Amino acid sequence: MSNYIEAFLPMIKGAILYTIPLSIISFICGIAIGVIVALIRINHSKNPLSNLAKAICQFYISIIRGTPLLVQLFIIFYGLPNIGITLDPFISAIIAFSLSIGAYSSETIRASILAVPKGQWEAGWSIGLTNSDTFIKIIAPQALKIALPTLSNTFIALVKDTSLASVVLVAELFRQAQTIASQNYEFLRVYSQAALIYWIICIGLGYLQTRLEAKFSKHL
């Protein structure tokens, strides 16, 4: 029994100190990137700077969605030192996960904004609201309600994807499991324990997702 507890404690510590903070920070940064990219892409301005920004955003989305996250992690942590940029493992993981979440969430956010009926814009203008006020007070809440299920699932997927941070030496949950398994050679038991912890975390997040969606459905 003590062997089970001895294996669980480092993994739980890794989850608390690295897996969960890495997930939260990366998700917040990724959503911020996603919102900016989405707004740039739905901008109807035809000036050269706007077109350039759209092209950059489309290139960013294409390269992030078209390459494996693991490769992106390796480029940031192991590749950038070749040009004199050395980053802490945790920071490297945050950058990689944030860029990934930003690319995928931008499409969700953009589609959600466009899914709001155009009549909602006209309703805002009819009561004297500016474009920005109409977006913030009328469009954004409705778009958030539409995007929430997908974004919530993205966050849950991110929690599991943080296991990839083990390859850049972040001492998160799975890295701890690898260390323990390499010492006692009980790979099945240790990795099953790690899977159980991930499962419990995701069950909790799924419950919060359901409550959050119910709350938004009630108030919007």
Protein backbone atom coordinates (compact mmCIF):
# COMPACT_ATOMS: atom_id res chain seq x y z
CA MET A 1 0.00 0.00 0.00
CA SER A 2 2.85 2.35 0.85
CA ASN A 3 4.27 1.88 -2.66
CA TYR A 4 1.01 3.14 -4.14
CA ILE A 5 1.03 6.21 -1.90
CA GLU A 6 4.72 6.88 -2.56
CA ALA A 7 3.97 6.89 -6.30
CA PHE A 8 0.82 8.98 -6.00
CA LEU A 9 2.28 11.81 -3.94
CA PRO A 10 4.97 12.99 -6.42
CA MET A 11 2.48 12.77 -9.27
CA ILE A 12 -0.14 14.76 -7.38
CA LYS A 13 2.54 17.29 -6.48
CA GLY A 14 3.52 17.52 -10.16
CA ALA A 15 -0.13 18.04 -11.08
CA ILE A 16 -0.60 20.82 -8.52
CA LEU A 17 2.68 22.62 -9.13
CA TYR A 18 2.99 22.23 -12.89
CA THR A 19 0.17 20.48 -14.78
CA ILE A 20 -2.70 22.65 -13.54
CA PRO A 21 -0.84 26.01 -13.54
CA LEU A 22 0.59 25.21 -16.99
CA SER A 23 -2.90 24.45 -18.27
CA ILE A 24 -4.49 27.58 -16.80
CA ILE A 25 -1.75 30.02 -17.84
CA SER A 26 -1.47 28.58 -21.34
CA PHE A 27 -5.24 28.60 -21.81
CA ILE A 28 -5.60 32.23 -20.71
CA CYS A 29 -2.73 33.35 -22.95
CA GLY A 30 -4.04 31.22 -25.81
CA ILE A 31 -7.55 32.65 -25.56
CA ALA A 32 -6.11 36.17 -25.55
CA ILE A 33 -4.20 35.32 -28.74
CA GLY A 34 -7.28 33.68 -30.21
CA VAL A 35 -9.48 36.72 -29.59
CA ILE A 36 -6.96 39.07 -31.21
CA VAL A 37 -6.50 36.80 -34.23
CA ALA A 38 -10.26 36.30 -34.62
CA LEU A 39 -10.96 40.04 -34.49
CA ILE A 40 -8.25 40.72 -37.06
CA ARG A 41 -9.66 38.08 -39.40
CA ILE A 42 -13.26 39.37 -39.23
CA ASN A 43 -12.20 42.98 -39.74
CA HIS A 44 -13.73 44.20 -43.01
CA SER A 45 -11.19 46.97 -43.55
CA LYS A 46 -9.42 46.82 -46.92
CA ASN A 47 -6.37 48.92 -46.10
CA PRO A 48 -2.91 47.36 -46.72
CA LEU A 49 -2.04 47.04 -43.02
CA SER A 50 -5.27 45.17 -42.32
CA ASN A 51 -4.66 42.82 -45.23
CA LEU A 52 -1.09 42.21 -44.04
CA ALA A 53 -2.32 41.45 -40.51
CA LYS A 54 -4.88 38.99 -41.91
CA ALA A 55 -2.20 37.27 -43.99
CA ILE A 56 0.07 36.95 -40.94
CA CYS A 57 -2.78 35.50 -38.88
CA GLN A 58 -3.68 33.00 -41.60
CA PHE A 59 -0.02 31.94 -41.86
CA TYR A 60 0.18 31.56 -38.08
CA ILE A 61 -2.95 29.40 -37.97
CA SER A 62 -1.76 27.31 -40.90
CA ILE A 63 1.68 26.58 -39.46
CA ILE A 64 0.40 25.79 -35.95
CA ARG A 65 -2.43 23.56 -37.16
CA GLY A 66 -0.22 21.93 -39.77
CA THR A 67 2.62 20.83 -37.47
CA PRO A 68 2.59 18.53 -34.42
CA LEU A 69 2.58 20.18 -31.00
CA LEU A 70 5.46 17.94 -29.98
CA VAL A 71 7.58 19.31 -32.82
CA GLN A 72 6.69 22.86 -31.79
CA LEU A 73 7.83 22.11 -28.24
CA PHE A 74 11.14 20.75 -29.52
CA ILE A 75 11.73 23.78 -31.74
CA ILE A 76 11.08 26.23 -28.89
CA PHE A 77 13.07 24.42 -26.18
CA TYR A 78 15.80 22.61 -28.09
CA GLY A 79 15.94 24.61 -31.34
CA LEU A 80 15.93 28.24 -30.21
CA PRO A 81 19.21 27.89 -28.23
CA ASN A 82 20.92 27.42 -31.60
CA ILE A 83 20.19 31.09 -32.33
CA GLY A 84 21.02 32.24 -28.82
CA ILE A 85 17.54 32.07 -27.25
CA THR A 86 17.45 29.79 -24.21
CA LEU A 87 14.19 29.49 -22.31
CA ASP A 88 13.17 27.88 -19.05
CA PRO A 89 11.32 24.55 -19.63
CA PHE A 90 8.11 25.84 -18.03
CA ILE A 91 8.19 29.04 -20.11
CA SER A 92 8.90 27.04 -23.26
CA ALA A 93 5.88 24.85 -22.57
CA ILE A 94 3.66 27.89 -21.92
CA ILE A 95 4.70 29.47 -25.22
CA ALA A 96 4.10 26.27 -27.21
CA PHE A 97 0.73 25.50 -25.63
CA SER A 98 -0.42 29.14 -25.82
CA LEU A 99 0.38 29.36 -29.52
CA SER A 100 -1.43 26.09 -30.13
CA ILE A 101 -4.52 27.11 -28.17
CA GLY A 102 -4.46 30.53 -29.83
CA ALA A 103 -4.57 29.08 -33.32
CA TYR A 104 -7.36 26.60 -32.64
CA SER A 105 -9.46 28.87 -30.41
CA SER A 106 -9.26 31.74 -32.91
CA GLU A 107 -11.30 29.70 -35.38
CA THR A 108 -13.85 28.83 -32.70
CA ILE A 109 -14.12 32.44 -31.58
CA ARG A 110 -14.34 33.77 -35.13
CA ALA A 111 -17.09 31.29 -36.03
CA SER A 112 -18.98 32.11 -32.84
CA ILE A 113 -18.90 35.85 -33.53
CA LEU A 114 -20.07 35.32 -37.09
CA ALA A 115 -22.85 33.03 -35.82
CA VAL A 116 -24.49 35.90 -33.93
CA PRO A 117 -27.30 37.24 -36.15
CA LYS A 118 -26.48 40.51 -37.91
CA GLY A 119 -29.70 41.90 -36.52
CA GLN A 120 -28.02 42.06 -33.12
CA TRP A 121 -25.58 44.61 -34.50
CA GLU A 122 -28.46 46.64 -35.89
CA ALA A 123 -30.23 46.44 -32.54
CA GLY A 124 -27.20 47.94 -30.84
CA TRP A 125 -26.88 50.71 -33.40
CA SER A 126 -30.59 51.51 -33.10
CA ILE A 127 -30.20 52.37 -29.41
CA GLY A 128 -27.18 54.56 -30.07
CA LEU A 129 -24.34 52.19 -29.25
CA THR A 130 -21.04 52.47 -31.07
CA ASN A 131 -19.52 49.48 -32.86
CA SER A 132 -17.22 48.71 -29.93
CA ASP A 133 -20.02 49.06 -27.36
CA THR A 134 -22.32 46.88 -29.46
CA PHE A 135 -19.64 44.22 -29.67
CA ILE A 136 -18.79 44.27 -25.97
CA LYS A 137 -22.34 44.51 -24.60
CA ILE A 138 -24.36 42.53 -27.15
CA ILE A 139 -22.26 40.44 -29.54
CA ALA A 140 -19.48 39.17 -27.25
CA PRO A 141 -21.77 37.62 -24.58
CA GLN A 142 -23.77 35.77 -27.24
CA ALA A 143 -20.60 34.63 -29.01
CA LEU A 144 -19.19 33.41 -25.69
CA LYS A 145 -22.29 31.33 -25.08
CA ILE A 146 -21.86 29.70 -28.51
CA ALA A 147 -18.12 29.14 -28.09
CA LEU A 148 -18.18 27.97 -24.47
CA PRO A 149 -18.71 24.21 -25.04
CA THR A 150 -15.91 24.00 -27.60
CA LEU A 151 -13.53 26.16 -25.57
CA SER A 152 -14.26 24.10 -22.45
CA ASN A 153 -13.44 20.92 -24.32
CA THR A 154 -10.27 22.57 -25.59
CA PHE A 155 -9.19 23.28 -22.02
CA ILE A 156 -9.83 19.69 -20.95
CA ALA A 157 -7.79 18.48 -23.92
CA LEU A 158 -5.02 20.91 -22.96
CA VAL A 159 -4.79 19.41 -19.47
CA LYS A 160 -4.03 16.04 -21.07
CA ASP A 161 -1.69 17.56 -23.65
CA THR A 162 0.48 19.03 -20.88
CA SER A 163 1.93 15.52 -20.56
CA LEU A 164 3.98 16.46 -23.64
CA ALA A 165 5.82 18.99 -21.48
CA SER A 166 7.68 16.05 -19.98
CA VAL A 167 9.87 15.97 -23.11
CA VAL A 168 11.19 19.46 -22.28
CA LEU A 169 11.93 18.47 -18.68
CA VAL A 170 8.93 20.11 -16.98
CA ALA A 171 8.35 18.15 -13.76
CA GLU A 172 4.61 17.81 -14.34
CA LEU A 173 2.43 14.80 -13.57
CA PHE A 174 3.58 12.52 -16.38
CA ARG A 175 7.25 13.43 -15.94
CA GLN A 176 6.98 12.37 -12.32
CA ALA A 177 5.37 9.11 -13.43
CA GLN A 178 8.24 8.48 -15.85
CA THR A 179 10.79 9.10 -13.10
CA ILE A 180 9.06 6.76 -10.66
CA ALA A 181 8.56 4.02 -13.28
CA SER A 182 12.22 4.19 -14.30
CA GLN A 183 13.19 3.55 -10.68
CA ASN A 184 10.86 0.68 -9.76
CA TYR A 185 10.12 -0.72 -13.26
CA GLU A 186 6.42 -1.04 -12.38
CA PHE A 187 5.37 0.70 -15.58
CA LEU A 188 1.81 -0.62 -15.72
CA ARG A 189 0.97 0.35 -12.15
CA VAL A 190 2.62 3.76 -12.21
CA TYR A 191 1.25 4.82 -15.59
CA SER A 192 -2.19 3.54 -14.61
CA GLN A 193 -2.00 5.73 -11.50
CA ALA A 194 -1.03 8.70 -13.67
CA ALA A 195 -3.97 7.99 -15.98
CA LEU A 196 -6.28 7.85 -12.96
CA ILE A 197 -5.14 11.28 -11.78
CA TYR A 198 -5.67 12.77 -15.25
CA TRP A 199 -9.10 11.13 -15.37
CA ILE A 200 -10.12 12.56 -11.99
CA ILE A 201 -8.98 16.05 -13.02
CA CYS A 202 -10.93 15.81 -16.28
CA ILE A 203 -14.06 14.56 -14.49
CA GLY A 204 -13.88 17.62 -12.24
CA LEU A 205 -13.40 19.92 -15.20
CA GLY A 206 -16.30 18.26 -17.01
CA TYR A 207 -18.52 18.94 -14.01
CA LEU A 208 -17.45 22.59 -13.93
CA GLN A 209 -18.07 22.83 -17.68
CA THR A 210 -21.64 21.58 -17.24
CA ARG A 211 -22.31 24.05 -14.42
CA LEU A 212 -20.80 26.93 -16.38
CA GLU A 213 -22.82 26.17 -19.51
CA ALA A 214 -26.01 25.94 -17.43
CA LYS A 215 -25.25 29.30 -15.84
CA PHE A 216 -24.67 31.00 -19.19
CA SER A 217 -27.81 29.42 -20.68
CA LYS A 218 -29.79 30.80 -17.77
CA HIS A 219 -28.49 34.36 -17.95
CA LEU A 220 -28.10 34.86 -21.70
